[in-house]
Structure formats: C-alpha cells, structure tokens
C-alpha cells in the first residue's frame, strides 16, 4: 500500500518534467511530474508519492478528507491544520 500526500503546484518546469510544490507547510520542494494524461499548472492540487506527482485532486476532494479526519481524529489536529493551509495556499494562487 502506498501513501500519497496532497500538495499545491507552485510552478512547473515542463522541459525537465519537474514542479515545485508546497505540502501545506510553506516549504517549496521539487518533485517529478509523473502524470502525462493531464496537464498541470500553478495552483493545481496534486497527490505526490515518493517525490512523483501521481494524480490531480479537486479542492472538494481535499475538503472531504479534512471532514473525514475531523470525524476520526478530532476537531483540531495537526493533520487537519496542514490540509487547511494547503487549501488556503491553493485558493491564494488561483485568485492571482
């Protein structure tokens, strides 16, 4: 079983097939673009596994995950806070 981590795309380098992402902690990290069937762009929400973007997700899907974590883990956990920061970063980027 693999665990994918959600992130927001900060910028894309198609020539090198890499992108810089933020996992919700405000730190930019370089990952490999591993999906070719969908174009990615700044502000997109993606799932990263082992440093490779494996899929895109919607804001709605992440909000559903936050609700699930709240139900299972409690109202205010570090995990839900990170997801909320990630969604906030996504919203700021797409409003620019």
PDB file of N, CA and C in Angstrom:
ATOM      1  N   UNK A   1       0.838  -1.176   0.000  1.00  0.00           N
ATOM      2  CA  UNK A   1       0.000   0.000   0.000  1.00  0.00           C
ATOM      3  C   UNK A   1       0.882   1.238   0.000  1.00  0.00           C
ATOM      4  N   UNK A   2       0.504   2.223  -0.774  1.00  0.00           N
ATOM      5  CA  UNK A   2       1.258   3.470  -0.881  1.00  0.00           C
ATOM      6  C   UNK A   2       0.473   4.601  -0.235  1.00  0.00           C
ATOM      7  N   UNK A   3       1.202   5.560   0.266  1.00  0.00           N
ATOM      8  CA  UNK A   3       0.559   6.745   0.825  1.00  0.00           C
ATOM      9  C   UNK A   3       0.950   7.935  -0.031  1.00  0.00           C
ATOM     10  N   UNK A   4      -0.044   8.620  -0.569  1.00  0.00           N
ATOM     11  CA  UNK A   4       0.188   9.831  -1.339  1.00  0.00           C
ATOM     12  C   UNK A   4      -0.100  11.037  -0.473  1.00  0.00           C
ATOM     13  N   UNK A   5       0.642  12.097  -0.700  1.00  0.00           N
ATOM     14  CA  UNK A   5       0.500  13.318   0.075  1.00  0.00           C
ATOM     15  C   UNK A   5      -0.012  14.433  -0.827  1.00  0.00           C
ATOM     16  N   UNK A   6      -1.051  15.149  -0.406  1.00  0.00           N
ATOM     17  CA  UNK A   6      -1.538  16.255  -1.227  1.00  0.00           C
ATOM     18  C   UNK A   6      -0.574  17.439  -1.190  1.00  0.00           C
ATOM     19  N   UNK A   7      -0.533  18.155  -2.296  1.00  0.00           N
ATOM     20  CA  UNK A   7       0.322  19.335  -2.412  1.00  0.00           C
ATOM     21  C   UNK A   7      -0.299  20.284  -3.426  1.00  0.00           C
ATOM     22  N   UNK A   8       0.152  21.529  -3.387  1.00  0.00           N
ATOM     23  CA  UNK A   8      -0.285  22.515  -4.375  1.00  0.00           C
ATOM     24  C   UNK A   8       0.915  22.853  -5.261  1.00  0.00           C
ATOM     25  N   UNK A   9       0.665  22.976  -6.561  1.00  0.00           N
ATOM     26  CA  UNK A   9       1.718  23.306  -7.521  1.00  0.00           C
ATOM     27  C   UNK A   9       2.062  24.789  -7.400  1.00  0.00           C
ATOM     28  N   UNK A  10       3.342  25.080  -7.183  1.00  0.00           N
ATOM     29  CA  UNK A  10       3.815  26.467  -7.130  1.00  0.00           C
ATOM     30  C   UNK A  10       4.296  26.933  -8.495  1.00  0.00           C
ATOM     31  N   UNK A  11       5.016  26.076  -9.213  1.00  0.00           N
ATOM     32  CA  UNK A  11       5.421  26.363 -10.589  1.00  0.00           C
ATOM     33  C   UNK A  11       5.807  25.060 -11.271  1.00  0.00           C
ATOM     34  N   UNK A  12       5.830  25.108 -12.598  1.00  0.00           N
ATOM     35  CA  UNK A  12       6.060  23.908 -13.401  1.00  0.00           C
ATOM     36  C   UNK A  12       7.212  24.149 -14.368  1.00  0.00           C
ATOM     37  N   UNK A  13       8.092  23.162 -14.500  1.00  0.00           N
ATOM     38  CA  UNK A  13       9.177  23.176 -15.474  1.00  0.00           C
ATOM     39  C   UNK A  13       8.963  21.982 -16.406  1.00  0.00           C
ATOM     40  N   UNK A  14       8.215  22.220 -17.493  1.00  0.00           N
ATOM     41  CA  UNK A  14       7.883  21.127 -18.411  1.00  0.00           C
ATOM     42  C   UNK A  14       9.114  20.576 -19.120  1.00  0.00           C
ATOM     43  N   UNK A  15      10.109  21.425 -19.348  1.00  0.00           N
ATOM     44  CA  UNK A  15      11.315  20.969 -20.041  1.00  0.00           C
ATOM     45  C   UNK A  15      12.000  19.843 -19.265  1.00  0.00           C
ATOM     46  N   UNK A  16      12.052  19.982 -17.949  1.00  0.00           N
ATOM     47  CA  UNK A  16      12.689  18.973 -17.102  1.00  0.00           C
ATOM     48  C   UNK A  16      11.690  18.026 -16.440  1.00  0.00           C
ATOM     49  N   UNK A  17      10.391  18.209 -16.744  1.00  0.00           N
ATOM     50  CA  UNK A  17       9.324  17.386 -16.172  1.00  0.00           C
ATOM     51  C   UNK A  17       9.346  17.393 -14.639  1.00  0.00           C
ATOM     52  N   UNK A  18       9.530  18.608 -14.082  1.00  0.00           N
ATOM     53  CA  UNK A  18       9.505  18.778 -12.634  1.00  0.00           C
ATOM     54  C   UNK A  18       8.558  19.911 -12.274  1.00  0.00           C
ATOM     55  N   UNK A  19       8.211  19.952 -11.005  1.00  0.00           N
ATOM     56  CA  UNK A  19       7.376  21.032 -10.487  1.00  0.00           C
ATOM     57  C   UNK A  19       7.796  21.301  -9.052  1.00  0.00           C
ATOM     58  N   UNK A  20       7.603  22.526  -8.619  1.00  0.00           N
ATOM     59  CA  UNK A  20       7.792  22.861  -7.213  1.00  0.00           C
ATOM     60  C   UNK A  20       6.427  22.838  -6.557  1.00  0.00           C
ATOM     61  N   UNK A  21       6.354  22.178  -5.405  1.00  0.00           N
ATOM     62  CA  UNK A  21       5.088  22.037  -4.696  1.00  0.00           C
ATOM     63  C   UNK A  21       5.241  22.479  -3.248  1.00  0.00           C
ATOM     64  N   UNK A  22       4.098  22.753  -2.626  1.00  0.00           N
ATOM     65  CA  UNK A  22       4.013  23.060  -1.196  1.00  0.00           C
ATOM     66  C   UNK A  22       3.053  22.044  -0.594  1.00  0.00           C
ATOM     67  N   UNK A  23       3.511  21.347   0.432  1.00  0.00           N
ATOM     68  CA  UNK A  23       2.677  20.346   1.100  1.00  0.00           C
ATOM     69  C   UNK A  23       1.803  20.952   2.194  1.00  0.00           C
ATOM     70  N   UNK A  24       1.773  22.271   2.273  1.00  0.00           N
ATOM     71  CA  UNK A  24       0.970  22.932   3.293  1.00  0.00           C
ATOM     72  C   UNK A  24       1.797  23.481   4.432  1.00  0.00           C
ATOM     73  N   UNK A  25       3.116  23.280   4.345  1.00  0.00           N
ATOM     74  CA  UNK A  25       3.994  23.781   5.399  1.00  0.00           C
ATOM     75  C   UNK A  25       4.776  25.023   4.976  1.00  0.00           C
ATOM     76  N   UNK A  26       4.489  25.521   3.757  1.00  0.00           N
ATOM     77  CA  UNK A  26       5.142  26.735   3.284  1.00  0.00           C
ATOM     78  C   UNK A  26       6.524  26.523   2.692  1.00  0.00           C
ATOM     79  N   UNK A  27       6.978  25.283   2.590  1.00  0.00           N
ATOM     80  CA  UNK A  27       8.301  24.981   2.050  1.00  0.00           C
ATOM     81  C   UNK A  27       8.148  24.453   0.624  1.00  0.00           C
ATOM     82  N   UNK A  28       8.910  25.036  -0.305  1.00  0.00           N
ATOM     83  CA  UNK A  28       8.878  24.602  -1.701  1.00  0.00           C
ATOM     84  C   UNK A  28       9.791  23.395  -1.883  1.00  0.00           C
ATOM     85  N   UNK A  29       9.247  22.362  -2.525  1.00  0.00           N
ATOM     86  CA  UNK A  29      10.027  21.157  -2.807  1.00  0.00           C
ATOM     87  C   UNK A  29       9.850  20.784  -4.280  1.00  0.00           C
ATOM     88  N   UNK A  30      10.921  20.285  -4.884  1.00  0.00           N
ATOM     89  CA  UNK A  30      10.873  19.875  -6.283  1.00  0.00           C
ATOM     90  C   UNK A  30      10.462  18.409  -6.372  1.00  0.00           C
ATOM     91  N   UNK A  31       9.506  18.138  -7.255  1.00  0.00           N
ATOM     92  CA  UNK A  31       9.034  16.769  -7.486  1.00  0.00           C
ATOM     93  C   UNK A  31       9.009  16.507  -8.988  1.00  0.00           C
ATOM     94  N   UNK A  32       8.889  15.251  -9.348  1.00  0.00           N
ATOM     95  CA  UNK A  32       8.837  14.841 -10.749  1.00  0.00           C
ATOM     96  C   UNK A  32       7.380  14.774 -11.196  1.00  0.00           C
ATOM     97  N   UNK A  33       7.121  15.241 -12.408  1.00  0.00           N
ATOM     98  CA  UNK A  33       5.778  15.133 -12.974  1.00  0.00           C
ATOM     99  C   UNK A  33       5.630  13.717 -13.520  1.00  0.00           C
ATOM    100  N   UNK A  34       4.788  12.928 -12.873  1.00  0.00           N
ATOM    101  CA  UNK A  34       4.627  11.535 -13.262  1.00  0.00           C
ATOM    102  C   UNK A  34       3.329  11.243 -13.987  1.00  0.00           C
ATOM    103  N   UNK A  35       2.532  12.278 -14.229  1.00  0.00           N
ATOM    104  CA  UNK A  35       1.287  12.071 -14.974  1.00  0.00           C
ATOM    105  C   UNK A  35       1.402  12.797 -16.306  1.00  0.00           C
ATOM    106  N   UNK A  36       1.071  12.100 -17.347  1.00  0.00           N
ATOM    107  CA  UNK A  36       1.169  12.692 -18.677  1.00  0.00           C
ATOM    108  C   UNK A  36      -0.192  12.893 -19.314  1.00  0.00           C
ATOM    109  N   UNK A  37      -1.225  12.273 -18.746  1.00  0.00           N
ATOM    110  CA  UNK A  37      -2.552  12.365 -19.349  1.00  0.00           C
ATOM    111  C   UNK A  37      -3.304  13.627 -18.941  1.00  0.00           C
ATOM    112  N   UNK A  38      -2.767  14.379 -17.984  1.00  0.00           N
ATOM    113  CA  UNK A  38      -3.404  15.613 -17.533  1.00  0.00           C
ATOM    114  C   UNK A  38      -2.351  16.710 -17.428  1.00  0.00           C
ATOM    115  N   UNK A  39      -2.649  17.862 -17.992  1.00  0.00           N
ATOM    116  CA  UNK A  39      -1.744  18.996 -17.846  1.00  0.00           C
ATOM    117  C   UNK A  39      -1.850  19.524 -16.419  1.00  0.00           C
ATOM    118  N   UNK A  40      -0.729  19.935 -15.870  1.00  0.00           N
ATOM    119  CA  UNK A  40      -0.757  20.566 -14.552  1.00  0.00           C
ATOM    120  C   UNK A  40      -0.265  21.995 -14.688  1.00  0.00           C
ATOM    121  N   UNK A  41      -0.741  22.834 -13.793  1.00  0.00           N
ATOM    122  CA  UNK A  41      -0.332  24.240 -13.820  1.00  0.00           C
ATOM    123  C   UNK A  41      -0.314  24.783 -12.396  1.00  0.00           C
ATOM    124  N   UNK A  42       0.253  25.954 -12.268  1.00  0.00           N
ATOM    125  CA  UNK A  42       0.351  26.625 -10.971  1.00  0.00           C
ATOM    126  C   UNK A  42      -1.031  26.677 -10.316  1.00  0.00           C
ATOM    127  N   UNK A  43      -1.080  26.282  -9.047  1.00  0.00           N
ATOM    128  CA  UNK A  43      -2.326  26.316  -8.296  1.00  0.00           C
ATOM    129  C   UNK A  43      -3.069  24.999  -8.251  1.00  0.00           C
ATOM    130  N   UNK A  44      -2.722  24.064  -9.134  1.00  0.00           N
ATOM    131  CA  UNK A  44      -3.390  22.760  -9.118  1.00  0.00           C
ATOM    132  C   UNK A  44      -3.068  22.013  -7.830  1.00  0.00           C
ATOM    133  N   UNK A  45      -4.019  21.222  -7.386  1.00  0.00           N
ATOM    134  CA  UNK A  45      -3.826  20.330  -6.249  1.00  0.00           C
ATOM    135  C   UNK A  45      -3.494  18.950  -6.794  1.00  0.00           C
ATOM    136  N   UNK A  46      -2.455  18.344  -6.235  1.00  0.00           N
ATOM    137  CA  UNK A  46      -1.985  17.052  -6.729  1.00  0.00           C
ATOM    138  C   UNK A  46      -1.688  16.115  -5.564  1.00  0.00           C
ATOM    139  N   UNK A  47      -1.548  14.844  -5.894  1.00  0.00           N
ATOM    140  CA  UNK A  47      -1.090  13.847  -4.930  1.00  0.00           C
ATOM    141  C   UNK A  47       0.328  13.450  -5.332  1.00  0.00           C
ATOM    142  N   UNK A  48       1.236  13.481  -4.348  1.00  0.00           N
ATOM    143  CA  UNK A  48       2.641  13.149  -4.580  1.00  0.00           C
ATOM    144  C   UNK A  48       2.985  11.892  -3.781  1.00  0.00           C
ATOM    145  N   UNK A  49       3.632  10.949  -4.446  1.00  0.00           N
ATOM    146  CA  UNK A  49       4.124   9.747  -3.769  1.00  0.00           C
ATOM    147  C   UNK A  49       5.585   9.554  -4.138  1.00  0.00           C
ATOM    148  N   UNK A  50       6.443   9.447  -3.141  1.00  0.00           N
ATOM    149  CA  UNK A  50       7.876   9.207  -3.349  1.00  0.00           C
ATOM    150  C   UNK A  50       8.490  10.238  -4.293  1.00  0.00           C
ATOM    151  N   UNK A  51       8.054  11.494  -4.173  1.00  0.00           N
ATOM    152  CA  UNK A  51       8.617  12.564  -4.981  1.00  0.00           C
ATOM    153  C   UNK A  51       8.100  12.650  -6.398  1.00  0.00           C
ATOM    154  N   UNK A  52       7.005  11.929  -6.686  1.00  0.00           N
ATOM    155  CA  UNK A  52       6.437  11.914  -8.032  1.00  0.00           C
ATOM    156  C   UNK A  52       4.958  12.276  -7.965  1.00  0.00           C
ATOM    157  N   UNK A  53       4.533  13.223  -8.806  1.00  0.00           N
ATOM    158  CA  UNK A  53       3.111  13.560  -8.898  1.00  0.00           C
ATOM    159  C   UNK A  53       2.409  12.388  -9.575  1.00  0.00           C
ATOM    160  N   UNK A  54       1.428  11.811  -8.865  1.00  0.00           N
ATOM    161  CA  UNK A  54       0.743  10.635  -9.410  1.00  0.00           C
ATOM    162  C   UNK A  54      -0.688  10.921  -9.845  1.00  0.00           C
ATOM    163  N   UNK A  55      -1.267  12.035  -9.374  1.00  0.00           N
ATOM    164  CA  UNK A  55      -2.620  12.387  -9.813  1.00  0.00           C
ATOM    165  C   UNK A  55      -2.957  13.810  -9.397  1.00  0.00           C
ATOM    166  N   UNK A  56      -4.021  14.313 -10.004  1.00  0.00           N
ATOM    167  CA  UNK A  56      -4.591  15.597  -9.601  1.00  0.00           C
ATOM    168  C   UNK A  56      -5.804  15.316  -8.725  1.00  0.00           C
ATOM    169  N   UNK A  57      -6.113  16.252  -7.826  1.00  0.00           N
ATOM    170  CA  UNK A  57      -7.313  16.158  -6.997  1.00  0.00           C
ATOM    171  C   UNK A  57      -8.012  17.507  -7.022  1.00  0.00           C
ATOM    172  N   UNK A  58      -9.252  17.514  -6.594  1.00  0.00           N
ATOM    173  CA  UNK A  58     -10.003  18.764  -6.538  1.00  0.00           C
ATOM    174  C   UNK A  58     -10.019  19.291  -5.111  1.00  0.00           C
ATOM    175  N   UNK A  59     -10.342  20.564  -4.991  1.00  0.00           N
ATOM    176  CA  UNK A  59     -10.481  21.162  -3.666  1.00  0.00           C
ATOM    177  C   UNK A  59     -11.580  20.440  -2.887  1.00  0.00           C
ATOM    178  N   UNK A  60     -12.650  20.095  -3.577  1.00  0.00           N
ATOM    179  CA  UNK A  60     -13.759  19.385  -2.929  1.00  0.00           C
ATOM    180  C   UNK A  60     -13.287  18.066  -2.318  1.00  0.00           C
ATOM    181  N   UNK A  61     -12.457  17.333  -3.053  1.00  0.00           N
ATOM    182  CA  UNK A  61     -11.941  16.060  -2.533  1.00  0.00           C
ATOM    183  C   UNK A  61     -11.095  16.265  -1.281  1.00  0.00           C
ATOM    184  N   UNK A  62     -10.271  17.314  -1.269  1.00  0.00           N
ATOM    185  CA  UNK A  62      -9.460  17.584  -0.079  1.00  0.00           C
ATOM    186  C   UNK A  62     -10.319  18.023   1.094  1.00  0.00           C
ATOM    187  N   UNK A  63     -11.344  18.829   0.830  1.00  0.00           N
ATOM    188  CA  UNK A  63     -12.244  19.242   1.908  1.00  0.00           C
ATOM    189  C   UNK A  63     -12.965  18.035   2.505  1.00  0.00           C
ATOM    190  N   UNK A  64     -13.327  17.074   1.671  1.00  0.00           N
ATOM    191  CA  UNK A  64     -13.948  15.846   2.172  1.00  0.00           C
ATOM    192  C   UNK A  64     -12.979  15.068   3.056  1.00  0.00           C
ATOM    193  N   UNK A  65     -11.702  15.062   2.697  1.00  0.00           N
ATOM    194  CA  UNK A  65     -10.702  14.393   3.529  1.00  0.00           C
ATOM    195  C   UNK A  65     -10.556  15.091   4.875  1.00  0.00           C
ATOM    196  N   UNK A  66     -10.570  16.431   4.864  1.00  0.00           N
ATOM    197  CA  UNK A  66     -10.478  17.187   6.116  1.00  0.00           C
ATOM    198  C   UNK A  66     -11.640  16.821   7.028  1.00  0.00           C
ATOM    199  N   UNK A  67     -12.838  16.769   6.480  1.00  0.00           N
ATOM    200  CA  UNK A  67     -14.011  16.396   7.278  1.00  0.00           C
ATOM    201  C   UNK A  67     -13.872  14.985   7.842  1.00  0.00           C
ATOM    202  N   UNK A  68     -13.377  14.064   7.024  1.00  0.00           N
ATOM    203  CA  UNK A  68     -13.168  12.696   7.488  1.00  0.00           C
ATOM    204  C   UNK A  68     -12.173  12.669   8.646  1.00  0.00           C
ATOM    205  N   UNK A  69     -11.049  13.380   8.494  1.00  0.00           N
ATOM    206  CA  UNK A  69     -10.042  13.406   9.557  1.00  0.00           C
ATOM    207  C   UNK A  69     -10.597  14.021  10.836  1.00  0.00           C
ATOM    208  N   UNK A  70     -11.421  15.053  10.695  1.00  0.00           N
ATOM    209  CA  UNK A  70     -12.034  15.662  11.879  1.00  0.00           C
ATOM    210  C   UNK A  70     -12.933  14.663  12.606  1.00  0.00           C
ATOM    211  N   UNK A  71     -13.696  13.913  11.841  1.00  0.00           N
ATOM    212  CA  UNK A  71     -14.586  12.918  12.451  1.00  0.00           C
ATOM    213  C   UNK A  71     -13.789  11.833  13.172  1.00  0.00           C
ATOM    214  N   UNK A  72     -12.697  11.399  12.561  1.00  0.00           N
ATOM    215  CA  UNK A  72     -11.925  10.290  13.112  1.00  0.00           C
ATOM    216  C   UNK A  72     -10.947  10.741  14.201  1.00  0.00           C
ATOM    217  N   UNK A  73     -10.256  11.859  13.963  1.00  0.00           N
ATOM    218  CA  UNK A  73      -9.170  12.276  14.850  1.00  0.00           C
ATOM    219  C   UNK A  73      -9.547  13.361  15.851  1.00  0.00           C
ATOM    220  N   UNK A  74     -10.642  14.043  15.628  1.00  0.00           N
ATOM    221  CA  UNK A  74     -10.998  15.153  16.497  1.00  0.00           C
ATOM    222  C   UNK A  74     -11.044  16.441  15.704  1.00  0.00           C
ATOM    223  N   UNK A  75     -11.571  17.465  16.303  1.00  0.00           N
ATOM    224  CA  UNK A  75     -11.852  18.720  15.595  1.00  0.00           C
ATOM    225  C   UNK A  75     -10.603  19.439  15.091  1.00  0.00           C
ATOM    226  N   UNK A  76      -9.575  19.556  15.907  1.00  0.00           N
ATOM    227  CA  UNK A  76      -8.430  20.387  15.532  1.00  0.00           C
ATOM    228  C   UNK A  76      -7.140  19.606  15.735  1.00  0.00           C
ATOM    229  N   UNK A  77      -6.661  18.969  14.676  1.00  0.00           N
ATOM    230  CA  UNK A  77      -5.416  18.212  14.756  1.00  0.00           C
ATOM    231  C   UNK A  77      -4.380  18.852  13.844  1.00  0.00           C
ATOM    232  N   UNK A  78      -3.142  18.464  14.034  1.00  0.00           N
ATOM    233  CA  UNK A  78      -2.079  18.984  13.181  1.00  0.00           C
ATOM    234  C   UNK A  78      -2.338  18.617  11.717  1.00  0.00           C
ATOM    235  N   UNK A  79      -2.845  17.433  11.487  1.00  0.00           N
ATOM    236  CA  UNK A  79      -3.126  16.994  10.120  1.00  0.00           C
ATOM    237  C   UNK A  79      -4.186  17.864   9.453  1.00  0.00           C
ATOM    238  N   UNK A  80      -5.284  18.146  10.150  1.00  0.00           N
ATOM    239  CA  UNK A  80      -6.321  18.995   9.551  1.00  0.00           C
ATOM    240  C   UNK A  80      -5.806  20.409   9.334  1.00  0.00           C
ATOM    241  N   UNK A  81      -4.956  20.895  10.229  1.00  0.00           N
ATOM    242  CA  UNK A  81      -4.386  22.237  10.059  1.00  0.00           C
ATOM    243  C   UNK A  81      -3.504  22.306   8.818  1.00  0.00           C
ATOM    244  N   UNK A  82      -2.716  21.273   8.564  1.00  0.00           N
ATOM    245  CA  UNK A  82      -1.861  21.250   7.373  1.00  0.00           C
ATOM    246  C   UNK A  82      -2.713  21.229   6.107  1.00  0.00           C
ATOM    247  N   UNK A  83      -3.755  20.405   6.091  1.00  0.00           N
ATOM    248  CA  UNK A  83      -4.647  20.359   4.931  1.00  0.00           C
ATOM    249  C   UNK A  83      -5.309  21.719   4.702  1.00  0.00           C
ATOM    250  N   UNK A  84      -5.729  22.373   5.778  1.00  0.00           N
ATOM    251  CA  UNK A  84      -6.361  23.688   5.640  1.00  0.00           C
ATOM    252  C   UNK A  84      -5.380  24.718   5.100  1.00  0.00           C
ATOM    253  N   UNK A  85      -4.119  24.667   5.529  1.00  0.00           N
ATOM    254  CA  UNK A  85      -3.100  25.579   4.997  1.00  0.00           C
ATOM    255  C   UNK A  85      -2.856  25.304   3.516  1.00  0.00           C
ATOM    256  N   UNK A  86      -2.876  24.041   3.147  1.00  0.00           N
ATOM    257  CA  UNK A  86      -2.701  23.662   1.747  1.00  0.00           C
ATOM    258  C   UNK A  86      -3.835  24.211   0.888  1.00  0.00           C
ATOM    259  N   UNK A  87      -5.056  24.063   1.354  1.00  0.00           N
ATOM    260  CA  UNK A  87      -6.217  24.579   0.621  1.00  0.00           C
ATOM    261  C   UNK A  87      -6.163  26.099   0.545  1.00  0.00           C
ATOM    262  N   UNK A  88      -5.736  26.744   1.627  1.00  0.00           N
ATOM    263  CA  UNK A  88      -5.597  28.205   1.635  1.00  0.00           C
ATOM    264  C   UNK A  88      -4.556  28.653   0.611  1.00  0.00           C
ATOM    265  N   UNK A  89      -3.422  27.956   0.540  1.00  0.00           N
ATOM    266  CA  UNK A  89      -2.385  28.289  -0.445  1.00  0.00           C
ATOM    267  C   UNK A  89      -2.920  28.111  -1.861  1.00  0.00           C
ATOM    268  N   UNK A  90      -3.661  27.051  -2.086  1.00  0.00           N
ATOM    269  CA  UNK A  90      -4.285  26.800  -3.395  1.00  0.00           C
ATOM    270  C   UNK A  90      -5.204  27.964  -3.775  1.00  0.00           C
ATOM    271  N   UNK A  91      -6.056  28.381  -2.849  1.00  0.00           N
ATOM    272  CA  UNK A  91      -7.001  29.473  -3.132  1.00  0.00           C
ATOM    273  C   UNK A  91      -6.286  30.784  -3.428  1.00  0.00           C
ATOM    274  N   UNK A  92      -5.216  31.081  -2.694  1.00  0.00           N
ATOM    275  CA  UNK A  92      -4.457  32.316  -2.935  1.00  0.00           C
ATOM    276  C   UNK A  92      -3.856  32.317  -4.336  1.00  0.00           C
ATOM    277  N   UNK A  93      -3.304  31.185  -4.731  1.00  0.00           N
ATOM    278  CA  UNK A  93      -2.665  31.104  -6.044  1.00  0.00           C
ATOM    279  C   UNK A  93      -3.684  31.261  -7.162  1.00  0.00           C
ATOM    280  N   UNK A  94      -4.821  30.590  -7.066  1.00  0.00           N
ATOM    281  CA  UNK A  94      -5.782  30.661  -8.172  1.00  0.00           C
ATOM    282  C   UNK A  94      -6.481  32.014  -8.245  1.00  0.00           C
ATOM    283  N   UNK A  95      -6.424  32.807  -7.170  1.00  0.00           N
ATOM    284  CA  UNK A  95      -7.030  34.144  -7.194  1.00  0.00           C
ATOM    285  C   UNK A  95      -6.101  35.181  -7.800  1.00  0.00           C
ATOM    286  N   UNK A  96      -4.834  34.834  -7.998  1.00  0.00           N
ATOM    287  CA  UNK A  96      -3.870  35.800  -8.542  1.00  0.00           C
ATOM    288  C   UNK A  96      -4.079  36.007 -10.018  1.00  0.00           C
TER     289      UNK A  96
END
